[in-house]
Amino acid sequence: MPKGYWIARIDVADLDQYKQYVAANAKPLAAFGGRFLVRAGAFEAPEGSNRSRNVVIEFPSYQAAQDCYRSQAYQAAIQIRQPVSSSDLVIVEGYDGPQPE
């Protein structure tokens, strides 16, 4: 079963309030097996638009990624984040097929 991923790009207007969101999202992410692969850090955007923060979270399955987002605990965390940030988020299924040689 392929893993699931959240890919998010975020601009934060109030870092202190955003830290409250980070604290609030820890429990639901852990409950659904979420693991940060990318959490801000240096980046280059050679094509397209960008935001100031990039995040990639891996889940054990696509279903777990969807369930975490829809969970009551994560929806409560969103209410903390939305007034102080702008974001783009996609939930995607991982790929387990052949790779280029």
PDB file of N, CA and C in Angstrom:
ATOM      1  N   MET A   1       0.849  -1.183   0.000  1.00  0.00           N
ATOM      2  CA  MET A   1       0.000   0.000   0.000  1.00  0.00           C
ATOM      3  C   MET A   1       0.891   1.241   0.000  1.00  0.00           C
ATOM      4  N   PRO A   2       0.683   2.145  -0.939  1.00  0.00           N
ATOM      5  CA  PRO A   2       1.511   3.358  -0.991  1.00  0.00           C
ATOM      6  C   PRO A   2       1.293   4.254   0.220  1.00  0.00           C
ATOM      7  N   LYS A   3       2.326   4.949   0.591  1.00  0.00           N
ATOM      8  CA  LYS A   3       2.238   5.924   1.668  1.00  0.00           C
ATOM      9  C   LYS A   3       1.443   7.135   1.186  1.00  0.00           C
ATOM     10  N   GLY A   4       1.061   7.973   2.127  1.00  0.00           N
ATOM     11  CA  GLY A   4       0.375   9.222   1.811  1.00  0.00           C
ATOM     12  C   GLY A   4       1.215  10.386   2.282  1.00  0.00           C
ATOM     13  N   TYR A   5       1.044  11.532   1.650  1.00  0.00           N
ATOM     14  CA  TYR A   5       1.854  12.709   1.966  1.00  0.00           C
ATOM     15  C   TYR A   5       0.995  13.959   1.986  1.00  0.00           C
ATOM     16  N   TRP A   6       1.321  14.841   2.905  1.00  0.00           N
ATOM     17  CA  TRP A   6       0.835  16.212   2.851  1.00  0.00           C
ATOM     18  C   TRP A   6       1.982  17.036   2.304  1.00  0.00           C
ATOM     19  N   ILE A   7       1.697  17.849   1.312  1.00  0.00           N
ATOM     20  CA  ILE A   7       2.673  18.796   0.782  1.00  0.00           C
ATOM     21  C   ILE A   7       2.059  20.176   0.971  1.00  0.00           C
ATOM     22  N   ALA A   8       2.717  20.991   1.795  1.00  0.00           N
ATOM     23  CA  ALA A   8       2.163  22.300   2.138  1.00  0.00           C
ATOM     24  C   ALA A   8       3.172  23.402   1.873  1.00  0.00           C
ATOM     25  N   ARG A   9       2.644  24.534   1.441  1.00  0.00           N
ATOM     26  CA  ARG A   9       3.431  25.767   1.285  1.00  0.00           C
ATOM     27  C   ARG A   9       2.709  26.828   2.085  1.00  0.00           C
ATOM     28  N   ILE A  10       3.438  27.554   2.930  1.00  0.00           N
ATOM     29  CA  ILE A  10       2.800  28.417   3.913  1.00  0.00           C
ATOM     30  C   ILE A  10       3.517  29.759   4.020  1.00  0.00           C
ATOM     31  N   ASP A  11       2.746  30.829   4.140  1.00  0.00           N
ATOM     32  CA  ASP A  11       3.233  32.148   4.536  1.00  0.00           C
ATOM     33  C   ASP A  11       2.641  32.437   5.908  1.00  0.00           C
ATOM     34  N   VAL A  12       3.476  32.827   6.841  1.00  0.00           N
ATOM     35  CA  VAL A  12       3.040  33.065   8.220  1.00  0.00           C
ATOM     36  C   VAL A  12       3.102  34.555   8.527  1.00  0.00           C
ATOM     37  N   ALA A  13       1.988  35.115   9.028  1.00  0.00           N
ATOM     38  CA  ALA A  13       1.935  36.538   9.369  1.00  0.00           C
ATOM     39  C   ALA A  13       2.219  36.789  10.849  1.00  0.00           C
ATOM     40  N   ASP A  14       1.940  35.816  11.698  1.00  0.00           N
ATOM     41  CA  ASP A  14       2.139  35.971  13.142  1.00  0.00           C
ATOM     42  C   ASP A  14       2.790  34.694  13.668  1.00  0.00           C
ATOM     43  N   LEU A  15       4.103  34.713  13.811  1.00  0.00           N
ATOM     44  CA  LEU A  15       4.848  33.519  14.191  1.00  0.00           C
ATOM     45  C   LEU A  15       4.482  33.020  15.584  1.00  0.00           C
ATOM     46  N   ASP A  16       4.199  33.913  16.523  1.00  0.00           N
ATOM     47  CA  ASP A  16       3.837  33.478  17.873  1.00  0.00           C
ATOM     48  C   ASP A  16       2.539  32.656  17.861  1.00  0.00           C
ATOM     49  N   GLN A  17       1.538  33.123  17.152  1.00  0.00           N
ATOM     50  CA  GLN A  17       0.278  32.373  17.056  1.00  0.00           C
ATOM     51  C   GLN A  17       0.491  31.088  16.255  1.00  0.00           C
ATOM     52  N   TYR A  18       1.318  31.135  15.226  1.00  0.00           N
ATOM     53  CA  TYR A  18       1.584  29.950  14.422  1.00  0.00           C
ATOM     54  C   TYR A  18       2.221  28.854  15.275  1.00  0.00           C
ATOM     55  N   LYS A  19       3.046  29.238  16.238  1.00  0.00           N
ATOM     56  CA  LYS A  19       3.659  28.251  17.143  1.00  0.00           C
ATOM     57  C   LYS A  19       2.586  27.521  17.949  1.00  0.00           C
ATOM     58  N   GLN A  20       1.482  28.177  18.247  1.00  0.00           N
ATOM     59  CA  GLN A  20       0.370  27.517  18.938  1.00  0.00           C
ATOM     60  C   GLN A  20      -0.264  26.451  18.036  1.00  0.00           C
ATOM     61  N   TYR A  21      -0.347  26.749  16.750  1.00  0.00           N
ATOM     62  CA  TYR A  21      -0.839  25.759  15.783  1.00  0.00           C
ATOM     63  C   TYR A  21       0.094  24.555  15.743  1.00  0.00           C
ATOM     64  N   VAL A  22       1.398  24.807  15.700  1.00  0.00           N
ATOM     65  CA  VAL A  22       2.381  23.719  15.661  1.00  0.00           C
ATOM     66  C   VAL A  22       2.200  22.811  16.882  1.00  0.00           C
ATOM     67  N   ALA A  23       2.000  23.413  18.046  1.00  0.00           N
ATOM     68  CA  ALA A  23       1.775  22.620  19.260  1.00  0.00           C
ATOM     69  C   ALA A  23       0.472  21.822  19.162  1.00  0.00           C
ATOM     70  N   ALA A  24      -0.563  22.427  18.600  1.00  0.00           N
ATOM     71  CA  ALA A  24      -1.873  21.775  18.503  1.00  0.00           C
ATOM     72  C   ALA A  24      -1.895  20.665  17.460  1.00  0.00           C
ATOM     73  N   ASN A  25      -1.060  20.753  16.431  1.00  0.00           N
ATOM     74  CA  ASN A  25      -1.115  19.722  15.398  1.00  0.00           C
ATOM     75  C   ASN A  25      -0.267  18.496  15.743  1.00  0.00           C
ATOM     76  N   ALA A  26       0.574  18.585  16.762  1.00  0.00           N
ATOM     77  CA  ALA A  26       1.471  17.476  17.106  1.00  0.00           C
ATOM     78  C   ALA A  26       0.709  16.196  17.458  1.00  0.00           C
ATOM     79  N   LYS A  27      -0.333  16.318  18.240  1.00  0.00           N
ATOM     80  CA  LYS A  27      -1.071  15.138  18.692  1.00  0.00           C
ATOM     81  C   LYS A  27      -1.776  14.411  17.535  1.00  0.00           C
ATOM     82  N   PRO A  28      -2.549  15.120  16.691  1.00  0.00           N
ATOM     83  CA  PRO A  28      -3.177  14.385  15.587  1.00  0.00           C
ATOM     84  C   PRO A  28      -2.160  13.829  14.587  1.00  0.00           C
ATOM     85  N   LEU A  29      -1.084  14.554  14.326  1.00  0.00           N
ATOM     86  CA  LEU A  29      -0.083  14.013  13.409  1.00  0.00           C
ATOM     87  C   LEU A  29       0.494  12.714  13.956  1.00  0.00           C
ATOM     88  N   ALA A  30       0.838  12.689  15.229  1.00  0.00           N
ATOM     89  CA  ALA A  30       1.386  11.473  15.847  1.00  0.00           C
ATOM     90  C   ALA A  30       0.356  10.343  15.836  1.00  0.00           C
ATOM     91  N   ALA A  31      -0.895  10.670  16.112  1.00  0.00           N
ATOM     92  CA  ALA A  31      -1.944   9.652  16.175  1.00  0.00           C
ATOM     93  C   ALA A  31      -2.142   8.934  14.844  1.00  0.00           C
ATOM     94  N   PHE A  32      -1.892   9.627  13.741  1.00  0.00           N
ATOM     95  CA  PHE A  32      -2.080   9.031  12.419  1.00  0.00           C
ATOM     96  C   PHE A  32      -0.757   8.625  11.768  1.00  0.00           C
ATOM     97  N   GLY A  33       0.326   8.639  12.541  1.00  0.00           N
ATOM     98  CA  GLY A  33       1.618   8.178  12.029  1.00  0.00           C
ATOM     99  C   GLY A  33       2.344   9.183  11.163  1.00  0.00           C
ATOM    100  N   GLY A  34       2.009  10.466  11.274  1.00  0.00           N
ATOM    101  CA  GLY A  34       2.667  11.499  10.470  1.00  0.00           C
ATOM    102  C   GLY A  34       4.119  11.695  10.882  1.00  0.00           C
ATOM    103  N   ARG A  35       4.960  11.895   9.881  1.00  0.00           N
ATOM    104  CA  ARG A  35       6.396  12.088  10.111  1.00  0.00           C
ATOM    105  C   ARG A  35       6.905  13.163   9.162  1.00  0.00           C
ATOM    106  N   PHE A  36       7.528  14.206   9.726  1.00  0.00           N
ATOM    107  CA  PHE A  36       8.035  15.298   8.895  1.00  0.00           C
ATOM    108  C   PHE A  36       9.235  14.833   8.070  1.00  0.00           C
ATOM    109  N   LEU A  37       9.165  15.060   6.772  1.00  0.00           N
ATOM    110  CA  LEU A  37      10.306  14.847   5.878  1.00  0.00           C
ATOM    111  C   LEU A  37      10.955  16.178   5.538  1.00  0.00           C
ATOM    112  N   VAL A  38      10.119  17.211   5.447  1.00  0.00           N
ATOM    113  CA  VAL A  38      10.575  18.584   5.189  1.00  0.00           C
ATOM    114  C   VAL A  38       9.808  19.478   6.147  1.00  0.00           C
ATOM    115  N   ARG A  39      10.543  20.351   6.827  1.00  0.00           N
ATOM    116  CA  ARG A  39       9.883  21.269   7.761  1.00  0.00           C
ATOM    117  C   ARG A  39      10.616  22.600   7.692  1.00  0.00           C
ATOM    118  N   ALA A  40      10.156  23.458   6.800  1.00  0.00           N
ATOM    119  CA  ALA A  40      10.791  24.751   6.525  1.00  0.00           C
ATOM    120  C   ALA A  40      12.186  24.496   5.949  1.00  0.00           C
ATOM    121  N   GLY A  41      13.206  25.181   6.399  1.00  0.00           N
ATOM    122  CA  GLY A  41      14.553  24.975   5.879  1.00  0.00           C
ATOM    123  C   GLY A  41      14.801  25.740   4.593  1.00  0.00           C
ATOM    124  N   ALA A  42      16.047  25.703   4.179  1.00  0.00           N
ATOM    125  CA  ALA A  42      16.466  26.400   2.955  1.00  0.00           C
ATOM    126  C   ALA A  42      15.795  25.764   1.744  1.00  0.00           C
ATOM    127  N   PHE A  43      15.475  26.592   0.753  1.00  0.00           N
ATOM    128  CA  PHE A  43      14.901  26.070  -0.481  1.00  0.00           C
ATOM    129  C   PHE A  43      15.211  26.992  -1.635  1.00  0.00           C
ATOM    130  N   GLU A  44      15.044  26.462  -2.813  1.00  0.00           N
ATOM    131  CA  GLU A  44      15.187  27.198  -4.066  1.00  0.00           C
ATOM    132  C   GLU A  44      13.915  26.956  -4.859  1.00  0.00           C
ATOM    133  N   ALA A  45      13.412  27.969  -5.528  1.00  0.00           N
ATOM    134  CA  ALA A  45      12.200  27.842  -6.338  1.00  0.00           C
ATOM    135  C   ALA A  45      12.525  28.246  -7.772  1.00  0.00           C
ATOM    136  N   PRO A  46      13.133  27.350  -8.547  1.00  0.00           N
ATOM    137  CA  PRO A  46      13.530  27.721  -9.898  1.00  0.00           C
ATOM    138  C   PRO A  46      12.367  27.897 -10.873  1.00  0.00           C
ATOM    139  N   GLU A  47      11.179  27.421 -10.509  1.00  0.00           N
ATOM    140  CA  GLU A  47      10.014  27.593 -11.376  1.00  0.00           C
ATOM    141  C   GLU A  47       8.783  27.868 -10.531  1.00  0.00           C
ATOM    142  N   GLY A  48       7.867  28.639 -11.065  1.00  0.00           N
ATOM    143  CA  GLY A  48       6.583  28.875 -10.424  1.00  0.00           C
ATOM    144  C   GLY A  48       6.647  29.795  -9.226  1.00  0.00           C
ATOM    145  N   SER A  49       5.533  29.828  -8.507  1.00  0.00           N
ATOM    146  CA  SER A  49       5.431  30.682  -7.324  1.00  0.00           C
ATOM    147  C   SER A  49       5.905  29.918  -6.096  1.00  0.00           C
ATOM    148  N   ASN A  50       6.093  30.654  -5.000  1.00  0.00           N
ATOM    149  CA  ASN A  50       6.508  29.988  -3.775  1.00  0.00           C
ATOM    150  C   ASN A  50       5.946  30.725  -2.576  1.00  0.00           C
ATOM    151  N   ARG A  51       6.085  30.113  -1.425  1.00  0.00           N
ATOM    152  CA  ARG A  51       5.730  30.703  -0.140  1.00  0.00           C
ATOM    153  C   ARG A  51       6.960  30.582   0.747  1.00  0.00           C
ATOM    154  N   SER A  52       6.909  31.180   1.922  1.00  0.00           N
ATOM    155  CA  SER A  52       8.104  31.248   2.766  1.00  0.00           C
ATOM    156  C   SER A  52       8.444  29.940   3.476  1.00  0.00           C
ATOM    157  N   ARG A  53       7.473  29.042   3.665  1.00  0.00           N
ATOM    158  CA  ARG A  53       7.722  27.758   4.339  1.00  0.00           C
ATOM    159  C   ARG A  53       7.211  26.627   3.461  1.00  0.00           C
ATOM    160  N   ASN A  54       7.945  25.523   3.448  1.00  0.00           N
ATOM    161  CA  ASN A  54       7.535  24.317   2.740  1.00  0.00           C
ATOM    162  C   ASN A  54       7.578  23.165   3.728  1.00  0.00           C
ATOM    163  N   VAL A  55       6.551  22.308   3.670  1.00  0.00           N
ATOM    164  CA  VAL A  55       6.443  21.189   4.600  1.00  0.00           C
ATOM    165  C   VAL A  55       5.996  19.955   3.828  1.00  0.00           C
ATOM    166  N   VAL A  56       6.634  18.822   4.102  1.00  0.00           N
ATOM    167  CA  VAL A  56       6.197  17.537   3.573  1.00  0.00           C
ATOM    168  C   VAL A  56       6.093  16.585   4.759  1.00  0.00           C
ATOM    169  N   ILE A  57       4.911  16.004   4.933  1.00  0.00           N
ATOM    170  CA  ILE A  57       4.674  15.059   6.017  1.00  0.00           C
ATOM    171  C   ILE A  57       4.282  13.725   5.403  1.00  0.00           C
ATOM    172  N   GLU A  58       4.963  12.676   5.831  1.00  0.00           N
ATOM    173  CA  GLU A  58       4.697  11.322   5.337  1.00  0.00           C
ATOM    174  C   GLU A  58       3.789  10.590   6.319  1.00  0.00           C
ATOM    175  N   PHE A  59       2.822   9.853   5.777  1.00  0.00           N
ATOM    176  CA  PHE A  59       1.921   9.016   6.567  1.00  0.00           C
ATOM    177  C   PHE A  59       2.055   7.571   6.100  1.00  0.00           C
ATOM    178  N   PRO A  60       1.697   6.618   6.937  1.00  0.00           N
ATOM    179  CA  PRO A  60       1.848   5.212   6.545  1.00  0.00           C
ATOM    180  C   PRO A  60       0.983   4.814   5.354  1.00  0.00           C
ATOM    181  N   SER A  61      -0.082   5.581   5.087  1.00  0.00           N
ATOM    182  CA  SER A  61      -0.944   5.295   3.936  1.00  0.00           C
ATOM    183  C   SER A  61      -1.637   6.583   3.492  1.00  0.00           C
ATOM    184  N   TYR A  62      -2.149   6.555   2.284  1.00  0.00           N
ATOM    185  CA  TYR A  62      -2.930   7.678   1.762  1.00  0.00           C
ATOM    186  C   TYR A  62      -4.168   7.899   2.632  1.00  0.00           C
ATOM    187  N   GLN A  63      -4.802   6.783   3.051  1.00  0.00           N
ATOM    188  CA  GLN A  63      -5.985   6.879   3.902  1.00  0.00           C
ATOM    189  C   GLN A  63      -5.654   7.557   5.230  1.00  0.00           C
ATOM    190  N   ALA A  64      -4.524   7.218   5.835  1.00  0.00           N
ATOM    191  CA  ALA A  64      -4.119   7.846   7.100  1.00  0.00           C
ATOM    192  C   ALA A  64      -3.916   9.348   6.913  1.00  0.00           C
ATOM    193  N   ALA A  65      -3.341   9.743   5.774  1.00  0.00           N
ATOM    194  CA  ALA A  65      -3.136  11.171   5.493  1.00  0.00           C
ATOM    195  C   ALA A  65      -4.475  11.893   5.397  1.00  0.00           C
ATOM    196  N   GLN A  66      -5.436  11.279   4.725  1.00  0.00           N
ATOM    197  CA  GLN A  66      -6.774  11.871   4.606  1.00  0.00           C
ATOM    198  C   GLN A  66      -7.473  11.911   5.964  1.00  0.00           C
ATOM    199  N   ASP A  67      -7.385  10.812   6.696  1.00  0.00           N
ATOM    200  CA  ASP A  67      -8.071  10.730   7.990  1.00  0.00           C
ATOM    201  C   ASP A  67      -7.506  11.742   8.983  1.00  0.00           C
ATOM    202  N   CYS A  68      -6.201  11.950   8.971  1.00  0.00           N
ATOM    203  CA  CYS A  68      -5.597  12.922   9.865  1.00  0.00           C
ATOM    204  C   CYS A  68      -6.138  14.313   9.567  1.00  0.00           C
ATOM    205  N   TYR A  69      -6.145  14.686   8.300  1.00  0.00           N
ATOM    206  CA  TYR A  69      -6.639  16.013   7.926  1.00  0.00           C
ATOM    207  C   TYR A  69      -8.084  16.210   8.385  1.00  0.00           C
ATOM    208  N   ARG A  70      -8.891  15.194   8.223  1.00  0.00           N
ATOM    209  CA  ARG A  70     -10.316  15.303   8.535  1.00  0.00           C
ATOM    210  C   ARG A  70     -10.623  15.096  10.023  1.00  0.00           C
ATOM    211  N   SER A  71      -9.625  14.710  10.813  1.00  0.00           N
ATOM    212  CA  SER A  71      -9.861  14.424  12.229  1.00  0.00           C
ATOM    213  C   SER A  71     -10.299  15.684  12.982  1.00  0.00           C
ATOM    214  N   GLN A  72     -11.047  15.473  14.017  1.00  0.00           N
ATOM    215  CA  GLN A  72     -11.538  16.574  14.840  1.00  0.00           C
ATOM    216  C   GLN A  72     -10.363  17.358  15.439  1.00  0.00           C
ATOM    217  N   ALA A  73      -9.328  16.646  15.878  1.00  0.00           N
ATOM    218  CA  ALA A  73      -8.183  17.313  16.507  1.00  0.00           C
ATOM    219  C   ALA A  73      -7.435  18.193  15.507  1.00  0.00           C
ATOM    220  N   TYR A  74      -7.257  17.717  14.275  1.00  0.00           N
ATOM    221  CA  TYR A  74      -6.549  18.546  13.302  1.00  0.00           C
ATOM    222  C   TYR A  74      -7.418  19.715  12.841  1.00  0.00           C
ATOM    223  N   GLN A  75      -8.704  19.493  12.702  1.00  0.00           N
ATOM    224  CA  GLN A  75      -9.595  20.587  12.321  1.00  0.00           C
ATOM    225  C   GLN A  75      -9.579  21.691  13.374  1.00  0.00           C
ATOM    226  N   ALA A  76      -9.431  21.331  14.641  1.00  0.00           N
ATOM    227  CA  ALA A  76      -9.297  22.339  15.699  1.00  0.00           C
ATOM    228  C   ALA A  76      -7.987  23.102  15.545  1.00  0.00           C
ATOM    229  N   ALA A  77      -6.905  22.408  15.178  1.00  0.00           N
ATOM    230  CA  ALA A  77      -5.609  23.068  14.974  1.00  0.00           C
ATOM    231  C   ALA A  77      -5.674  24.054  13.812  1.00  0.00           C
ATOM    232  N   ILE A  78      -6.386  23.687  12.772  1.00  0.00           N
ATOM    233  CA  ILE A  78      -6.532  24.577  11.616  1.00  0.00           C
ATOM    234  C   ILE A  78      -7.122  25.922  12.027  1.00  0.00           C
ATOM    235  N   GLN A  79      -8.054  25.905  12.952  1.00  0.00           N
ATOM    236  CA  GLN A  79      -8.692  27.145  13.395  1.00  0.00           C
ATOM    237  C   GLN A  79      -7.681  28.103  14.020  1.00  0.00           C
ATOM    238  N   ILE A  80      -6.599  27.586  14.560  1.00  0.00           N
ATOM    239  CA  ILE A  80      -5.533  28.427  15.114  1.00  0.00           C
ATOM    240  C   ILE A  80      -4.667  28.989  13.989  1.00  0.00           C
ATOM    241  N   ARG A  81      -4.396  28.169  12.970  1.00  0.00           N
ATOM    242  CA  ARG A  81      -3.493  28.560  11.873  1.00  0.00           C
ATOM    243  C   ARG A  81      -4.114  29.539  10.892  1.00  0.00           C
ATOM    244  N   GLN A  82      -5.336  29.315  10.506  1.00  0.00           N
ATOM    245  CA  GLN A  82      -5.913  30.066   9.393  1.00  0.00           C
ATOM    246  C   GLN A  82      -5.914  31.586   9.562  1.00  0.00           C
ATOM    247  N   PRO A  83      -6.190  32.134  10.744  1.00  0.00           N
ATOM    248  CA  PRO A  83      -6.198  33.600  10.845  1.00  0.00           C
ATOM    249  C   PRO A  83      -4.819  34.247  10.682  1.00  0.00           C
ATOM    250  N   VAL A  84      -3.746  33.467  10.830  1.00  0.00           N
ATOM    251  CA  VAL A  84      -2.404  34.065  10.827  1.00  0.00           C
ATOM    252  C   VAL A  84      -1.507  33.543   9.711  1.00  0.00           C
ATOM    253  N   SER A  85      -2.095  32.845   8.731  1.00  0.00           N
ATOM    254  CA  SER A  85      -1.266  32.317   7.651  1.00  0.00           C
ATOM    255  C   SER A  85      -2.087  32.136   6.387  1.00  0.00           C
ATOM    256  N   SER A  86      -1.377  32.007   5.280  1.00  0.00           N
ATOM    257  CA  SER A  86      -1.959  31.631   4.001  1.00  0.00           C
ATOM    258  C   SER A  86      -1.233  30.368   3.575  1.00  0.00           C
ATOM    259  N   SER A  87      -1.982  29.400   3.062  1.00  0.00           N
ATOM    260  CA  SER A  87      -1.314  28.142   2.729  1.00  0.00           C
ATOM    261  C   SER A  87      -1.958  27.449   1.538  1.00  0.00           C
ATOM    262  N   ASP A  88      -1.186  26.566   0.962  1.00  0.00           N
ATOM    263  CA  ASP A  88      -1.646  25.628  -0.060  1.00  0.00           C
ATOM    264  C   ASP A  88      -1.293  24.251   0.480  1.00  0.00           C
ATOM    265  N   LEU A  89      -2.227  23.315   0.422  1.00  0.00           N
ATOM    266  CA  LEU A  89      -1.987  21.965   0.928  1.00  0.00           C
ATOM    267  C   LEU A  89      -2.580  20.971  -0.043  1.00  0.00           C
ATOM    268  N   VAL A  90      -1.804  19.960  -0.391  1.00  0.00           N
ATOM    269  CA  VAL A  90      -2.325  18.833  -1.153  1.00  0.00           C
ATOM    270  C   VAL A  90      -2.030  17.565  -0.373  1.00  0.00           C
ATOM    271  N   ILE A  91      -2.944  16.619  -0.476  1.00  0.00           N
ATOM    272  CA  ILE A  91      -2.742  15.290   0.092  1.00  0.00           C
ATOM    273  C   ILE A  91      -2.583  14.362  -1.101  1.00  0.00           C
ATOM    274  N   VAL A  92      -1.434  13.695  -1.175  1.00  0.00           N
ATOM    275  CA  VAL A  92      -1.143  12.871  -2.347  1.00  0.00           C
ATOM    276  C   VAL A  92      -0.775  11.452  -1.943  1.00  0.00           C
ATOM    277  N   GLU A  93      -1.071  10.536  -2.842  1.00  0.00           N
ATOM    278  CA  GLU A  93      -0.689   9.147  -2.665  1.00  0.00           C
ATOM    279  C   GLU A  93       0.727   8.951  -3.182  1.00  0.00           C
ATOM    280  N   GLY A  94       1.517   8.207  -2.421  1.00  0.00           N
ATOM    281  CA  GLY A  94       2.890   7.917  -2.841  1.00  0.00           C
ATOM    282  C   GLY A  94       2.918   7.001  -4.055  1.00  0.00           C
ATOM    283  N   TYR A  95       4.110   6.821  -4.595  1.00  0.00           N
ATOM    284  CA  TYR A  95       4.315   6.021  -5.798  1.00  0.00           C
ATOM    285  C   TYR A  95       5.255   4.881  -5.470  1.00  0.00           C
ATOM    286  N   ASP A  96       4.825   3.642  -5.759  1.00  0.00           N
ATOM    287  CA  ASP A  96       5.642   2.469  -5.503  1.00  0.00           C
ATOM    288  C   ASP A  96       6.070   1.756  -6.797  1.00  0.00           C
ATOM    289  N   GLY A  97       5.905   2.403  -7.926  1.00  0.00           N
ATOM    290  CA  GLY A  97       6.182   1.759  -9.202  1.00  0.00           C
ATOM    291  C   GLY A  97       7.634   1.811  -9.619  1.00  0.00           C
ATOM    292  N   PRO A  98       7.911   1.437 -10.868  1.00  0.00           N
ATOM    293  CA  PRO A  98       9.281   1.414 -11.395  1.00  0.00           C
ATOM    294  C   PRO A  98       9.901   2.809 -11.385  1.00  0.00           C
ATOM    295  N   GLN A  99      11.201   2.845 -11.247  1.00  0.00           N
ATOM    296  CA  GLN A  99      11.974   4.089 -11.240  1.00  0.00           C
ATOM    297  C   GLN A  99      12.883   4.121 -12.476  1.00  0.00           C
ATOM    298  N   PRO A 100      13.271   5.326 -12.903  1.00  0.00           N
ATOM    299  CA  PRO A 100      14.185   5.417 -14.049  1.00  0.00           C
ATOM    300  C   PRO A 100      15.515   4.756 -13.723  1.00  0.00           C
ATOM    301  N   GLU A 101      16.108   4.194 -14.712  1.00  0.00           N
ATOM    302  CA  GLU A 101      17.419   3.549 -14.514  1.00  0.00           C
ATOM    303  C   GLU A 101      18.531   4.397 -15.032  1.00  0.00           C
TER     304      GLU A 101
END
